[in-house]
Amino acid sequence: MARLLLGLALFLCSNLAAFSHDLWINGEPVPAWIKNSCCGPADAHHLLSSQVHALRDGWHIDGYPFTLSYGRELPSQDGDFWVFYATLEAGGVSPVYCFFAPVQTW
């Protein structure tokens, strides 16, 4: 019975994660032109607080090679860290499109 419940929970979580990219945080649908041109699922990076470091020269994000200047952050509506950037086909990463940080961190 425990395996069945675990399997059901994993199935629901995987489907909810896919659905979450179709809606903004306020529940409104994300327009197709936005999903096709930027800020799609591949661009969204949901971060743990342990992956974000507020250092003297700005924000450092594990896995992102550049420092983000203070003042680029936007208030996170869900209290989590989010950064949006693309991994480029030729290698490397794009500049950050958006960076959201919990209000109490800055």
PDB file of N, CA and C in Angstrom:
ATOM      1  N   MET A   1       0.818  -1.190   0.000  1.00  0.00           N
ATOM      2  CA  MET A   1       0.000   0.000   0.000  1.00  0.00           C
ATOM      3  C   MET A   1       0.868   1.263   0.000  1.00  0.00           C
ATOM      4  N   ALA A   2       1.956   1.243   0.766  1.00  0.00           N
ATOM      5  CA  ALA A   2       2.850   2.401   0.820  1.00  0.00           C
ATOM      6  C   ALA A   2       3.456   2.676  -0.554  1.00  0.00           C
ATOM      7  N   ARG A   3       3.808   1.608  -1.304  1.00  0.00           N
ATOM      8  CA  ARG A   3       4.369   1.795  -2.645  1.00  0.00           C
ATOM      9  C   ARG A   3       3.345   2.419  -3.593  1.00  0.00           C
ATOM     10  N   LEU A   4       2.117   1.996  -3.458  1.00  0.00           N
ATOM     11  CA  LEU A   4       1.052   2.549  -4.300  1.00  0.00           C
ATOM     12  C   LEU A   4       0.877   4.036  -4.024  1.00  0.00           C
ATOM     13  N   LEU A   5       0.848   4.411  -2.743  1.00  0.00           N
ATOM     14  CA  LEU A   5       0.701   5.820  -2.394  1.00  0.00           C
ATOM     15  C   LEU A   5       1.906   6.640  -2.850  1.00  0.00           C
ATOM     16  N   LEU A   6       3.100   6.097  -2.703  1.00  0.00           N
ATOM     17  CA  LEU A   6       4.301   6.792  -3.154  1.00  0.00           C
ATOM     18  C   LEU A   6       4.267   6.982  -4.669  1.00  0.00           C
ATOM     19  N   GLY A   7       3.883   5.945  -5.390  1.00  0.00           N
ATOM     20  CA  GLY A   7       3.778   6.040  -6.843  1.00  0.00           C
ATOM     21  C   GLY A   7       2.767   7.086  -7.268  1.00  0.00           C
ATOM     22  N   LEU A   8       1.627   7.117  -6.594  1.00  0.00           N
ATOM     23  CA  LEU A   8       0.602   8.108  -6.906  1.00  0.00           C
ATOM     24  C   LEU A   8       1.110   9.526  -6.612  1.00  0.00           C
ATOM     25  N   ALA A   9       1.791   9.707  -5.499  1.00  0.00           N
ATOM     26  CA  ALA A   9       2.327  11.023  -5.149  1.00  0.00           C
ATOM     27  C   ALA A   9       3.355  11.487  -6.179  1.00  0.00           C
ATOM     28  N   LEU A  10       4.245  10.595  -6.622  1.00  0.00           N
ATOM     29  CA  LEU A  10       5.242  10.959  -7.633  1.00  0.00           C
ATOM     30  C   LEU A  10       4.584  11.316  -8.963  1.00  0.00           C
ATOM     31  N   PHE A  11       3.552  10.565  -9.338  1.00  0.00           N
ATOM     32  CA  PHE A  11       2.821  10.852 -10.573  1.00  0.00           C
ATOM     33  C   PHE A  11       2.180  12.227 -10.503  1.00  0.00           C
ATOM     34  N   LEU A  12       1.521  12.531  -9.401  1.00  0.00           N
ATOM     35  CA  LEU A  12       0.858  13.829  -9.268  1.00  0.00           C
ATOM     36  C   LEU A  12       1.862  14.971  -9.262  1.00  0.00           C
ATOM     37  N   CYS A  13       2.980  14.796  -8.569  1.00  0.00           N
ATOM     38  CA  CYS A  13       3.992  15.853  -8.523  1.00  0.00           C
ATOM     39  C   CYS A  13       4.584  16.120  -9.899  1.00  0.00           C
ATOM     40  N   SER A  14       4.841  15.080 -10.674  1.00  0.00           N
ATOM     41  CA  SER A  14       5.426  15.285 -11.995  1.00  0.00           C
ATOM     42  C   SER A  14       4.442  15.990 -12.912  1.00  0.00           C
ATOM     43  N   ASN A  15       3.162  15.689 -12.804  1.00  0.00           N
ATOM     44  CA  ASN A  15       2.169  16.359 -13.636  1.00  0.00           C
ATOM     45  C   ASN A  15       1.935  17.790 -13.189  1.00  0.00           C
ATOM     46  N   LEU A  16       1.966  18.063 -11.901  1.00  0.00           N
ATOM     47  CA  LEU A  16       1.795  19.426 -11.412  1.00  0.00           C
ATOM     48  C   LEU A  16       2.961  20.305 -11.819  1.00  0.00           C
ATOM     49  N   ALA A  17       4.160  19.748 -11.849  1.00  0.00           N
ATOM     50  CA  ALA A  17       5.321  20.531 -12.258  1.00  0.00           C
ATOM     51  C   ALA A  17       5.191  20.975 -13.711  1.00  0.00           C
ATOM     52  N   ALA A  18       4.720  20.094 -14.579  1.00  0.00           N
ATOM     53  CA  ALA A  18       4.529  20.470 -15.981  1.00  0.00           C
ATOM     54  C   ALA A  18       3.435  21.522 -16.107  1.00  0.00           C
ATOM     55  N   PHE A  19       2.374  21.384 -15.364  1.00  0.00           N
ATOM     56  CA  PHE A  19       1.255  22.322 -15.414  1.00  0.00           C
ATOM     57  C   PHE A  19       1.656  23.695 -14.893  1.00  0.00           C
ATOM     58  N   SER A  20       2.571  23.743 -13.942  1.00  0.00           N
ATOM     59  CA  SER A  20       2.937  25.020 -13.329  1.00  0.00           C
ATOM     60  C   SER A  20       3.562  25.980 -14.326  1.00  0.00           C
ATOM     61  N   HIS A  21       4.155  25.488 -15.418  1.00  0.00           N
ATOM     62  CA  HIS A  21       4.755  26.365 -16.419  1.00  0.00           C
ATOM     63  C   HIS A  21       3.713  26.964 -17.355  1.00  0.00           C
ATOM     64  N   ASP A  22       2.473  26.555 -17.231  1.00  0.00           N
ATOM     65  CA  ASP A  22       1.407  27.090 -18.063  1.00  0.00           C
ATOM     66  C   ASP A  22       0.700  28.266 -17.415  1.00  0.00           C
ATOM     67  N   LEU A  23       0.955  28.503 -16.131  1.00  0.00           N
ATOM     68  CA  LEU A  23       0.262  29.564 -15.404  1.00  0.00           C
ATOM     69  C   LEU A  23       1.249  30.478 -14.703  1.00  0.00           C
ATOM     70  N   TRP A  24       0.917  31.786 -14.654  1.00  0.00           N
ATOM     71  CA  TRP A  24       1.668  32.716 -13.831  1.00  0.00           C
ATOM     72  C   TRP A  24       1.337  32.440 -12.370  1.00  0.00           C
ATOM     73  N   ILE A  25       2.049  33.048 -11.468  1.00  0.00           N
ATOM     74  CA  ILE A  25       1.824  32.844 -10.042  1.00  0.00           C
ATOM     75  C   ILE A  25       0.415  33.247  -9.624  1.00  0.00           C
ATOM     76  N   ASN A  26      -0.207  34.194 -10.353  1.00  0.00           N
ATOM     77  CA  ASN A  26      -1.563  34.627 -10.023  1.00  0.00           C
ATOM     78  C   ASN A  26      -2.642  33.745 -10.640  1.00  0.00           C
ATOM     79  N   GLY A  27      -2.236  32.680 -11.330  1.00  0.00           N
ATOM     80  CA  GLY A  27      -3.192  31.750 -11.908  1.00  0.00           C
ATOM     81  C   GLY A  27      -3.577  32.054 -13.346  1.00  0.00           C
ATOM     82  N   GLU A  28      -3.153  33.203 -13.870  1.00  0.00           N
ATOM     83  CA  GLU A  28      -3.453  33.559 -15.257  1.00  0.00           C
ATOM     84  C   GLU A  28      -2.573  32.734 -16.198  1.00  0.00           C
ATOM     85  N   PRO A  29      -3.083  32.387 -17.376  1.00  0.00           N
ATOM     86  CA  PRO A  29      -2.266  31.604 -18.316  1.00  0.00           C
ATOM     87  C   PRO A  29      -1.093  32.416 -18.869  1.00  0.00           C
ATOM     88  N   VAL A  30       0.026  31.742 -19.050  1.00  0.00           N
ATOM     89  CA  VAL A  30       1.192  32.352 -19.679  1.00  0.00           C
ATOM     90  C   VAL A  30       0.950  32.320 -21.186  1.00  0.00           C
ATOM     91  N   PRO A  31       1.000  33.462 -21.853  1.00  0.00           N
ATOM     92  CA  PRO A  31       0.768  33.478 -23.297  1.00  0.00           C
ATOM     93  C   PRO A  31       1.791  32.623 -24.053  1.00  0.00           C
ATOM     94  N   ALA A  32       1.339  32.004 -25.131  1.00  0.00           N
ATOM     95  CA  ALA A  32       2.204  31.126 -25.921  1.00  0.00           C
ATOM     96  C   ALA A  32       3.426  31.857 -26.458  1.00  0.00           C
ATOM     97  N   TRP A  33       3.265  33.136 -26.839  1.00  0.00           N
ATOM     98  CA  TRP A  33       4.407  33.853 -27.407  1.00  0.00           C
ATOM     99  C   TRP A  33       5.517  34.045 -26.391  1.00  0.00           C
ATOM    100  N   ILE A  34       5.158  34.146 -25.114  1.00  0.00           N
ATOM    101  CA  ILE A  34       6.184  34.261 -24.070  1.00  0.00           C
ATOM    102  C   ILE A  34       6.871  32.918 -23.872  1.00  0.00           C
ATOM    103  N   LYS A  35       6.066  31.852 -23.804  1.00  0.00           N
ATOM    104  CA  LYS A  35       6.654  30.521 -23.600  1.00  0.00           C
ATOM    105  C   LYS A  35       7.552  30.131 -24.767  1.00  0.00           C
ATOM    106  N   ASN A  36       7.241  30.609 -25.968  1.00  0.00           N
ATOM    107  CA  ASN A  36       8.044  30.254 -27.132  1.00  0.00           C
ATOM    108  C   ASN A  36       9.305  31.088 -27.268  1.00  0.00           C
ATOM    109  N   SER A  37       9.312  32.299 -26.747  1.00  0.00           N
ATOM    110  CA  SER A  37      10.455  33.172 -26.974  1.00  0.00           C
ATOM    111  C   SER A  37      11.378  33.339 -25.771  1.00  0.00           C
ATOM    112  N   CYS A  38      10.856  33.257 -24.566  1.00  0.00           N
ATOM    113  CA  CYS A  38      11.721  33.376 -23.394  1.00  0.00           C
ATOM    114  C   CYS A  38      10.976  32.894 -22.153  1.00  0.00           C
ATOM    115  N   CYS A  39      11.716  32.725 -21.116  1.00  0.00           N
ATOM    116  CA  CYS A  39      11.157  32.339 -19.819  1.00  0.00           C
ATOM    117  C   CYS A  39      10.303  31.087 -19.904  1.00  0.00           C
ATOM    118  N   GLY A  40      10.765  30.142 -20.690  1.00  0.00           N
ATOM    119  CA  GLY A  40      10.106  28.847 -20.748  1.00  0.00           C
ATOM    120  C   GLY A  40      10.626  27.954 -19.637  1.00  0.00           C
ATOM    121  N   PRO A  41      10.148  26.733 -19.581  1.00  0.00           N
ATOM    122  CA  PRO A  41      10.574  25.804 -18.527  1.00  0.00           C
ATOM    123  C   PRO A  41      12.084  25.619 -18.447  1.00  0.00           C
ATOM    124  N   ALA A  42      12.765  25.646 -19.583  1.00  0.00           N
ATOM    125  CA  ALA A  42      14.217  25.454 -19.561  1.00  0.00           C
ATOM    126  C   ALA A  42      14.947  26.662 -18.986  1.00  0.00           C
ATOM    127  N   ASP A  43      14.299  27.832 -18.997  1.00  0.00           N
ATOM    128  CA  ASP A  43      14.931  29.050 -18.497  1.00  0.00           C
ATOM    129  C   ASP A  43      14.726  29.255 -17.002  1.00  0.00           C
ATOM    130  N   ALA A  44      13.751  28.600 -16.427  1.00  0.00           N
ATOM    131  CA  ALA A  44      13.393  28.809 -15.023  1.00  0.00           C
ATOM    132  C   ALA A  44      14.253  27.920 -14.127  1.00  0.00           C
ATOM    133  N   HIS A  45      14.886  28.537 -13.152  1.00  0.00           N
ATOM    134  CA  HIS A  45      15.729  27.805 -12.201  1.00  0.00           C
ATOM    135  C   HIS A  45      15.241  28.159 -10.800  1.00  0.00           C
ATOM    136  N   HIS A  46      14.564  27.215 -10.178  1.00  0.00           N
ATOM    137  CA  HIS A  46      14.051  27.379  -8.813  1.00  0.00           C
ATOM    138  C   HIS A  46      15.185  26.994  -7.879  1.00  0.00           C
ATOM    139  N   LEU A  47      15.591  27.905  -7.035  1.00  0.00           N
ATOM    140  CA  LEU A  47      16.797  27.721  -6.231  1.00  0.00           C
ATOM    141  C   LEU A  47      16.490  27.509  -4.758  1.00  0.00           C
ATOM    142  N   LEU A  48      17.313  26.712  -4.121  1.00  0.00           N
ATOM    143  CA  LEU A  48      17.299  26.607  -2.670  1.00  0.00           C
ATOM    144  C   LEU A  48      18.071  27.799  -2.112  1.00  0.00           C
ATOM    145  N   SER A  49      17.755  28.211  -0.918  1.00  0.00           N
ATOM    146  CA  SER A  49      18.478  29.342  -0.327  1.00  0.00           C
ATOM    147  C   SER A  49      19.974  29.041  -0.198  1.00  0.00           C
ATOM    148  N   SER A  50      20.334  27.774  -0.058  1.00  0.00           N
ATOM    149  CA  SER A  50      21.751  27.406   0.050  1.00  0.00           C
ATOM    150  C   SER A  50      22.501  27.565  -1.274  1.00  0.00           C
ATOM    151  N   GLN A  51      21.783  27.775  -2.383  1.00  0.00           N
ATOM    152  CA  GLN A  51      22.409  27.950  -3.689  1.00  0.00           C
ATOM    153  C   GLN A  51      22.635  29.420  -4.043  1.00  0.00           C
ATOM    154  N   VAL A  52      22.178  30.325  -3.197  1.00  0.00           N
ATOM    155  CA  VAL A  52      22.278  31.761  -3.458  1.00  0.00           C
ATOM    156  C   VAL A  52      23.109  32.396  -2.346  1.00  0.00           C
ATOM    157  N   HIS A  53      24.086  33.175  -2.750  1.00  0.00           N
ATOM    158  CA  HIS A  53      25.014  33.757  -1.780  1.00  0.00           C
ATOM    159  C   HIS A  53      25.093  35.268  -1.979  1.00  0.00           C
ATOM    160  N   ALA A  54      24.763  36.003  -0.945  1.00  0.00           N
ATOM    161  CA  ALA A  54      24.856  37.462  -0.962  1.00  0.00           C
ATOM    162  C   ALA A  54      26.239  37.841  -0.456  1.00  0.00           C
ATOM    163  N   LEU A  55      27.129  38.151  -1.374  1.00  0.00           N
ATOM    164  CA  LEU A  55      28.501  38.510  -1.032  1.00  0.00           C
ATOM    165  C   LEU A  55      28.729  40.000  -1.263  1.00  0.00           C
ATOM    166  N   ARG A  56      29.890  40.462  -0.905  1.00  0.00           N
ATOM    167  CA  ARG A  56      30.197  41.892  -0.975  1.00  0.00           C
ATOM    168  C   ARG A  56      29.954  42.478  -2.361  1.00  0.00           C
ATOM    169  N   ASP A  57      30.289  41.725  -3.417  1.00  0.00           N
ATOM    170  CA  ASP A  57      30.196  42.259  -4.782  1.00  0.00           C
ATOM    171  C   ASP A  57      28.875  41.961  -5.485  1.00  0.00           C
ATOM    172  N   GLY A  58      27.946  41.291  -4.820  1.00  0.00           N
ATOM    173  CA  GLY A  58      26.648  41.003  -5.427  1.00  0.00           C
ATOM    174  C   GLY A  58      26.186  39.582  -5.158  1.00  0.00           C
ATOM    175  N   TRP A  59      25.161  39.185  -5.880  1.00  0.00           N
ATOM    176  CA  TRP A  59      24.576  37.857  -5.739  1.00  0.00           C
ATOM    177  C   TRP A  59      25.403  36.836  -6.510  1.00  0.00           C
ATOM    178  N   HIS A  60      25.717  35.711  -5.857  1.00  0.00           N
ATOM    179  CA  HIS A  60      26.389  34.589  -6.506  1.00  0.00           C
ATOM    180  C   HIS A  60      25.434  33.407  -6.447  1.00  0.00           C
ATOM    181  N   ILE A  61      25.212  32.792  -7.607  1.00  0.00           N
ATOM    182  CA  ILE A  61      24.265  31.685  -7.716  1.00  0.00           C
ATOM    183  C   ILE A  61      25.026  30.450  -8.161  1.00  0.00           C
ATOM    184  N   ASP A  62      24.922  29.388  -7.380  1.00  0.00           N
ATOM    185  CA  ASP A  62      25.582  28.140  -7.747  1.00  0.00           C
ATOM    186  C   ASP A  62      25.114  27.706  -9.133  1.00  0.00           C
ATOM    187  N   GLY A  63      26.069  27.392 -10.002  1.00  0.00           N
ATOM    188  CA  GLY A  63      25.746  26.943 -11.350  1.00  0.00           C
ATOM    189  C   GLY A  63      25.640  28.059 -12.375  1.00  0.00           C
ATOM    190  N   TYR A  64      25.636  29.311 -11.936  1.00  0.00           N
ATOM    191  CA  TYR A  64      25.618  30.443 -12.867  1.00  0.00           C
ATOM    192  C   TYR A  64      26.957  31.153 -12.738  1.00  0.00           C
ATOM    193  N   PRO A  65      27.682  31.342 -13.852  1.00  0.00           N
ATOM    194  CA  PRO A  65      29.075  31.788 -13.741  1.00  0.00           C
ATOM    195  C   PRO A  65      29.305  33.272 -13.490  1.00  0.00           C
ATOM    196  N   PHE A  66      28.256  34.088 -13.535  1.00  0.00           N
ATOM    197  CA  PHE A  66      28.448  35.523 -13.395  1.00  0.00           C
ATOM    198  C   PHE A  66      27.811  36.038 -12.108  1.00  0.00           C
ATOM    199  N   THR A  67      28.329  37.137 -11.600  1.00  0.00           N
ATOM    200  CA  THR A  67      27.787  37.789 -10.410  1.00  0.00           C
ATOM    201  C   THR A  67      26.666  38.725 -10.829  1.00  0.00           C
ATOM    202  N   LEU A  68      25.569  38.711 -10.080  1.00  0.00           N
ATOM    203  CA  LEU A  68      24.457  39.628 -10.328  1.00  0.00           C
ATOM    204  C   LEU A  68      24.593  40.814  -9.386  1.00  0.00           C
ATOM    205  N   SER A  69      24.527  41.983  -9.930  1.00  0.00           N
ATOM    206  CA  SER A  69      24.630  43.196  -9.123  1.00  0.00           C
ATOM    207  C   SER A  69      23.427  43.325  -8.198  1.00  0.00           C
ATOM    208  N   TYR A  70      23.658  43.879  -7.037  1.00  0.00           N
ATOM    209  CA  TYR A  70      22.540  44.189  -6.150  1.00  0.00           C
ATOM    210  C   TYR A  70      21.653  45.221  -6.835  1.00  0.00           C
ATOM    211  N   GLY A  71      20.385  45.133  -6.599  1.00  0.00           N
ATOM    212  CA  GLY A  71      19.417  46.015  -7.236  1.00  0.00           C
ATOM    213  C   GLY A  71      18.730  45.365  -8.426  1.00  0.00           C
ATOM    214  N   ARG A  72      19.248  44.236  -8.916  1.00  0.00           N
ATOM    215  CA  ARG A  72      18.621  43.495 -10.017  1.00  0.00           C
ATOM    216  C   ARG A  72      17.486  42.610  -9.522  1.00  0.00           C
ATOM    217  N   GLU A  73      17.496  42.317  -8.221  1.00  0.00           N
ATOM    218  CA  GLU A  73      16.510  41.381  -7.674  1.00  0.00           C
ATOM    219  C   GLU A  73      15.127  42.022  -7.623  1.00  0.00           C
ATOM    220  N   LEU A  74      14.147  41.173  -7.820  1.00  0.00           N
ATOM    221  CA  LEU A  74      12.741  41.547  -7.692  1.00  0.00           C
ATOM    222  C   LEU A  74      12.170  40.794  -6.503  1.00  0.00           C
ATOM    223  N   PRO A  75      11.136  41.321  -5.848  1.00  0.00           N
ATOM    224  CA  PRO A  75      10.571  40.591  -4.707  1.00  0.00           C
ATOM    225  C   PRO A  75       9.860  39.321  -5.160  1.00  0.00           C
ATOM    226  N   SER A  76      10.212  38.226  -4.536  1.00  0.00           N
ATOM    227  CA  SER A  76       9.606  36.933  -4.850  1.00  0.00           C
ATOM    228  C   SER A  76       8.234  36.841  -4.203  1.00  0.00           C
ATOM    229  N   GLN A  77       7.241  36.529  -5.009  1.00  0.00           N
ATOM    230  CA  GLN A  77       5.879  36.428  -4.491  1.00  0.00           C
ATOM    231  C   GLN A  77       5.637  35.146  -3.700  1.00  0.00           C
ATOM    232  N   ASP A  78       6.467  34.130  -3.925  1.00  0.00           N
ATOM    233  CA  ASP A  78       6.278  32.879  -3.180  1.00  0.00           C
ATOM    234  C   ASP A  78       7.329  32.682  -2.094  1.00  0.00           C
ATOM    235  N   GLY A  79       8.225  33.668  -1.911  1.00  0.00           N
ATOM    236  CA  GLY A  79       9.226  33.574  -0.855  1.00  0.00           C
ATOM    237  C   GLY A  79      10.427  32.714  -1.205  1.00  0.00           C
ATOM    238  N   ASP A  80      10.528  32.270  -2.463  1.00  0.00           N
ATOM    239  CA  ASP A  80      11.648  31.442  -2.907  1.00  0.00           C
ATOM    240  C   ASP A  80      12.546  32.242  -3.840  1.00  0.00           C
ATOM    241  N   PHE A  81      13.732  31.699  -4.090  1.00  0.00           N
ATOM    242  CA  PHE A  81      14.630  32.270  -5.070  1.00  0.00           C
ATOM    243  C   PHE A  81      14.334  31.662  -6.444  1.00  0.00           C
ATOM    244  N   TRP A  82      14.310  32.506  -7.465  1.00  0.00           N
ATOM    245  CA  TRP A  82      14.130  32.085  -8.846  1.00  0.00           C
ATOM    246  C   TRP A  82      15.079  32.898  -9.708  1.00  0.00           C
ATOM    247  N   VAL A  83      15.724  32.260 -10.665  1.00  0.00           N
ATOM    248  CA  VAL A  83      16.524  32.973 -11.651  1.00  0.00           C
ATOM    249  C   VAL A  83      16.161  32.419 -13.026  1.00  0.00           C
ATOM    250  N   PHE A  84      16.064  33.308 -13.993  1.00  0.00           N
ATOM    251  CA  PHE A  84      15.688  32.931 -15.350  1.00  0.00           C
ATOM    252  C   PHE A  84      16.818  33.301 -16.302  1.00  0.00           C
ATOM    253  N   TYR A  85      17.387  32.281 -16.950  1.00  0.00           N
ATOM    254  CA  TYR A  85      18.411  32.459 -17.973  1.00  0.00           C
ATOM    255  C   TYR A  85      18.403  31.219 -18.853  1.00  0.00           C
ATOM    256  N   ALA A  86      18.990  31.353 -20.039  1.00  0.00           N
ATOM    257  CA  ALA A  86      19.025  30.244 -20.987  1.00  0.00           C
ATOM    258  C   ALA A  86      20.414  29.623 -21.023  1.00  0.00           C
ATOM    259  N   THR A  87      20.438  28.319 -21.230  1.00  0.00           N
ATOM    260  CA  THR A  87      21.677  27.627 -21.538  1.00  0.00           C
ATOM    261  C   THR A  87      21.795  27.642 -23.058  1.00  0.00           C
ATOM    262  N   LEU A  88      22.872  28.171 -23.578  1.00  0.00           N
ATOM    263  CA  LEU A  88      23.033  28.371 -25.010  1.00  0.00           C
ATOM    264  C   LEU A  88      23.514  27.100 -25.702  1.00  0.00           C
ATOM    265  N   GLU A  89      23.036  26.896 -26.922  1.00  0.00           N
ATOM    266  CA  GLU A  89      23.429  25.705 -27.685  1.00  0.00           C
ATOM    267  C   GLU A  89      24.926  25.664 -27.943  1.00  0.00           C
ATOM    268  N   ALA A  90      25.517  26.816 -28.161  1.00  0.00           N
ATOM    269  CA  ALA A  90      26.952  26.882 -28.437  1.00  0.00           C
ATOM    270  C   ALA A  90      27.793  26.766 -27.164  1.00  0.00           C
ATOM    271  N   GLY A  91      27.132  26.656 -26.035  1.00  0.00           N
ATOM    272  CA  GLY A  91      27.827  26.593 -24.756  1.00  0.00           C
ATOM    273  C   GLY A  91      27.676  27.897 -23.998  1.00  0.00           C
ATOM    274  N   GLY A  92      27.799  27.834 -22.726  1.00  0.00           N
ATOM    275  CA  GLY A  92      27.644  29.031 -21.903  1.00  0.00           C
ATOM    276  C   GLY A  92      26.188  29.307 -21.569  1.00  0.00           C
ATOM    277  N   VAL A  93      25.952  30.476 -21.034  1.00  0.00           N
ATOM    278  CA  VAL A  93      24.608  30.867 -20.607  1.00  0.00           C
ATOM    279  C   VAL A  93      24.322  32.299 -21.041  1.00  0.00           C
ATOM    280  N   SER A  94      23.049  32.613 -21.137  1.00  0.00           N
ATOM    281  CA  SER A  94      22.626  33.972 -21.463  1.00  0.00           C
ATOM    282  C   SER A  94      22.746  34.853 -20.222  1.00  0.00           C
ATOM    283  N   PRO A  95      22.604  36.153 -20.407  1.00  0.00           N
ATOM    284  CA  PRO A  95      22.442  37.010 -19.224  1.00  0.00           C
ATOM    285  C   PRO A  95      21.147  36.628 -18.498  1.00  0.00           C
ATOM    286  N   VAL A  96      21.054  36.981 -17.257  1.00  0.00           N
ATOM    287  CA  VAL A  96      19.846  36.703 -16.468  1.00  0.00           C
ATOM    288  C   VAL A  96      18.718  37.600 -16.958  1.00  0.00           C
ATOM    289  N   TYR A  97      17.561  36.986 -17.227  1.00  0.00           N
ATOM    290  CA  TYR A  97      16.365  37.736 -17.616  1.00  0.00           C
ATOM    291  C   TYR A  97      15.721  38.355 -16.380  1.00  0.00           C
ATOM    292  N   CYS A  98      15.524  37.541 -15.350  1.00  0.00           N
ATOM    293  CA  CYS A  98      14.876  37.982 -14.112  1.00  0.00           C
ATOM    294  C   CYS A  98      15.482  37.220 -12.942  1.00  0.00           C
ATOM    295  N   PHE A  99      15.556  37.887 -11.809  1.00  0.00           N
ATOM    296  CA  PHE A  99      16.019  37.246 -10.572  1.00  0.00           C
ATOM    297  C   PHE A  99      15.079  37.673  -9.459  1.00  0.00           C
ATOM    298  N   PHE A 100      14.464  36.689  -8.812  1.00  0.00           N
ATOM    299  CA  PHE A 100      13.532  36.938  -7.717  1.00  0.00           C
ATOM    300  C   PHE A 100      14.151  36.427  -6.421  1.00  0.00           C
ATOM    301  N   ALA A 101      14.060  37.247  -5.389  1.00  0.00           N
ATOM    302  CA  ALA A 101      14.602  36.899  -4.076  1.00  0.00           C
ATOM    303  C   ALA A 101      13.563  37.200  -3.016  1.00  0.00           C
ATOM    304  N   PRO A 102      13.533  36.384  -1.951  1.00  0.00           N
ATOM    305  CA  PRO A 102      12.631  36.697  -0.841  1.00  0.00           C
ATOM    306  C   PRO A 102      12.952  38.081  -0.274  1.00  0.00           C
ATOM    307  N   VAL A 103      11.954  38.818   0.083  1.00  0.00           N
ATOM    308  CA  VAL A 103      12.131  40.198   0.526  1.00  0.00           C
ATOM    309  C   VAL A 103      13.062  40.297   1.725  1.00  0.00           C
ATOM    310  N   GLN A 104      12.996  39.372   2.661  1.00  0.00           N
ATOM    311  CA  GLN A 104      13.797  39.478   3.877  1.00  0.00           C
ATOM    312  C   GLN A 104      15.285  39.302   3.616  1.00  0.00           C
ATOM    313  N   THR A 105      15.704  38.866   2.408  1.00  0.00           N
ATOM    314  CA  THR A 105      17.126  38.643   2.153  1.00  0.00           C
ATOM    315  C   THR A 105      17.837  39.876   1.645  1.00  0.00           C
ATOM    316  N   TRP A 106      17.113  40.947   1.332  1.00  0.00           N
ATOM    317  CA  TRP A 106      17.785  42.127   0.777  1.00  0.00           C
ATOM    318  C   TRP A 106      17.176  43.388   1.248  1.00  0.00           C
TER     319      TRP A 106
END
